[in-house]
Amino acid sequence: MHFTHNHHEKEEKETISKLQHMKIIPLKGQSCLVSVNDFEKHGISFPLSKSTAFSKNFRIVLDDIPTLDEQLLDFIEDKYPRRVDSIKKLLRKLGKNQ
């Protein structure tokens, strides 16, 4: 059986859509997992670099933005260092509305 590029693209979009509905995303400061679709109007941000200094006022604003729990990224970097970039790419792709 031969699959076309369109078939693979359609299959990928369907998979992404299913993942967007699943409650698999840990947020900073939250005890339950959320789906990307729970935040489709607001979005979920990646944690900011720890090495960058921000003003106190800006930090207060950042604390109000739903942010991916950095423990997830730390775990991935520790256990799957060769896959970090592809996992981050997948997380970014999940955040985009198709």
Protein backbone atom coordinates (compact mmCIF):
# COMPACT_ATOMS: atom_id res chain seq x y z
CA MET A 1 0.00 0.00 0.00
CA HIS A 2 1.38 3.40 -0.99
CA PHE A 3 0.59 6.46 1.10
CA THR A 4 0.72 9.91 -0.35
CA HIS A 5 2.09 13.02 1.32
CA ASN A 6 -1.51 14.25 1.77
CA HIS A 7 -2.41 11.05 3.61
CA HIS A 8 0.46 11.52 6.08
CA GLU A 9 -0.37 15.20 6.53
CA LYS A 10 -4.03 14.39 7.21
CA GLU A 11 -3.06 11.65 9.65
CA GLU A 12 -0.70 14.03 11.47
CA LYS A 13 -3.41 16.71 11.76
CA GLU A 14 -5.84 14.14 13.17
CA THR A 15 -3.26 12.96 15.72
CA ILE A 16 -2.44 16.54 16.75
CA SER A 17 -6.15 17.28 17.14
CA LYS A 18 -6.60 14.24 19.39
CA LEU A 19 -3.58 15.20 21.49
CA GLN A 20 -4.88 18.76 21.86
CA HIS A 21 -8.01 17.38 23.55
CA MET A 22 -6.12 15.12 25.96
CA LYS A 23 -5.38 16.37 29.47
CA ILE A 24 -1.63 15.71 29.31
CA ILE A 25 -0.07 19.13 29.97
CA PRO A 26 1.24 19.99 33.47
CA LEU A 27 1.06 23.69 34.32
CA LYS A 28 3.29 25.52 36.79
CA GLY A 29 1.55 25.82 40.15
CA GLN A 30 -1.35 23.51 39.23
CA SER A 31 -2.10 20.07 40.62
CA CYS A 32 -4.05 18.72 37.66
CA LEU A 33 -3.21 18.20 34.01
CA VAL A 34 -4.88 20.30 31.31
CA SER A 35 -5.46 20.00 27.60
CA VAL A 36 -4.21 22.51 25.07
CA ASN A 37 -7.83 23.10 24.08
CA ASP A 38 -8.62 24.20 27.64
CA PHE A 39 -6.42 27.22 26.89
CA GLU A 40 -7.09 27.82 23.20
CA LYS A 41 -8.04 31.48 23.81
CA HIS A 42 -5.13 32.23 26.16
CA GLY A 43 -2.35 29.87 25.16
CA ILE A 44 0.26 28.18 27.31
CA SER A 45 3.77 29.55 27.39
CA PHE A 46 7.09 27.81 27.82
CA PRO A 47 9.04 28.61 30.98
CA LEU A 48 11.39 31.54 30.49
CA SER A 49 15.14 31.18 30.78
CA LYS A 50 16.34 31.14 34.37
CA SER A 51 19.43 33.09 33.34
CA THR A 52 17.43 36.12 32.18
CA ALA A 53 16.64 38.75 34.79
CA PHE A 54 13.19 40.37 34.67
CA SER A 55 11.82 43.29 36.63
CA LYS A 56 9.53 42.59 39.58
CA ASN A 57 6.52 44.08 37.75
CA PHE A 58 7.16 41.95 34.68
CA ARG A 59 7.53 38.84 36.88
CA ILE A 60 4.08 39.54 38.39
CA VAL A 61 2.58 39.62 34.89
CA LEU A 62 4.43 36.45 33.88
CA ASP A 63 3.11 34.64 36.95
CA ASP A 64 -0.45 35.18 35.66
CA ILE A 65 0.27 33.54 32.30
CA PRO A 66 -0.42 29.79 32.08
CA THR A 67 3.04 28.25 31.82
CA LEU A 68 4.21 24.72 31.15
CA ASP A 69 5.65 23.21 34.32
CA GLU A 70 9.41 23.42 33.89
CA GLN A 71 9.81 20.12 35.76
CA LEU A 72 8.49 18.41 32.63
CA LEU A 73 11.19 19.96 30.45
CA ASP A 74 13.85 19.29 33.10
CA PHE A 75 12.78 15.63 33.21
CA ILE A 76 12.87 15.33 29.42
CA GLU A 77 16.31 16.97 29.26
CA ASP A 78 17.58 14.60 31.95
CA LYS A 79 16.06 11.33 30.68
CA TYR A 80 15.80 11.98 26.93
CA PRO A 81 18.42 14.60 26.03
CA ARG A 82 18.52 13.60 22.37
CA ARG A 83 14.76 14.08 22.04
CA VAL A 84 14.37 17.47 23.77
CA ASP A 85 14.16 19.50 20.56
CA SER A 86 11.63 17.19 18.90
CA ILE A 87 9.47 17.13 22.06
CA LYS A 88 9.55 20.93 22.28
CA LYS A 89 8.62 21.07 18.59
CA LEU A 90 5.66 18.75 19.26
CA LEU A 91 4.53 20.88 22.21
CA ARG A 92 4.70 24.01 20.04
CA LYS A 93 2.76 22.25 17.31
CA LEU A 94 0.08 21.24 19.83
CA GLY A 95 -0.33 24.88 20.76
CA LYS A 96 -1.13 25.95 17.23
CA ASN A 97 -4.74 25.81 16.11
CA GLN A 98 -5.00 23.76 12.96
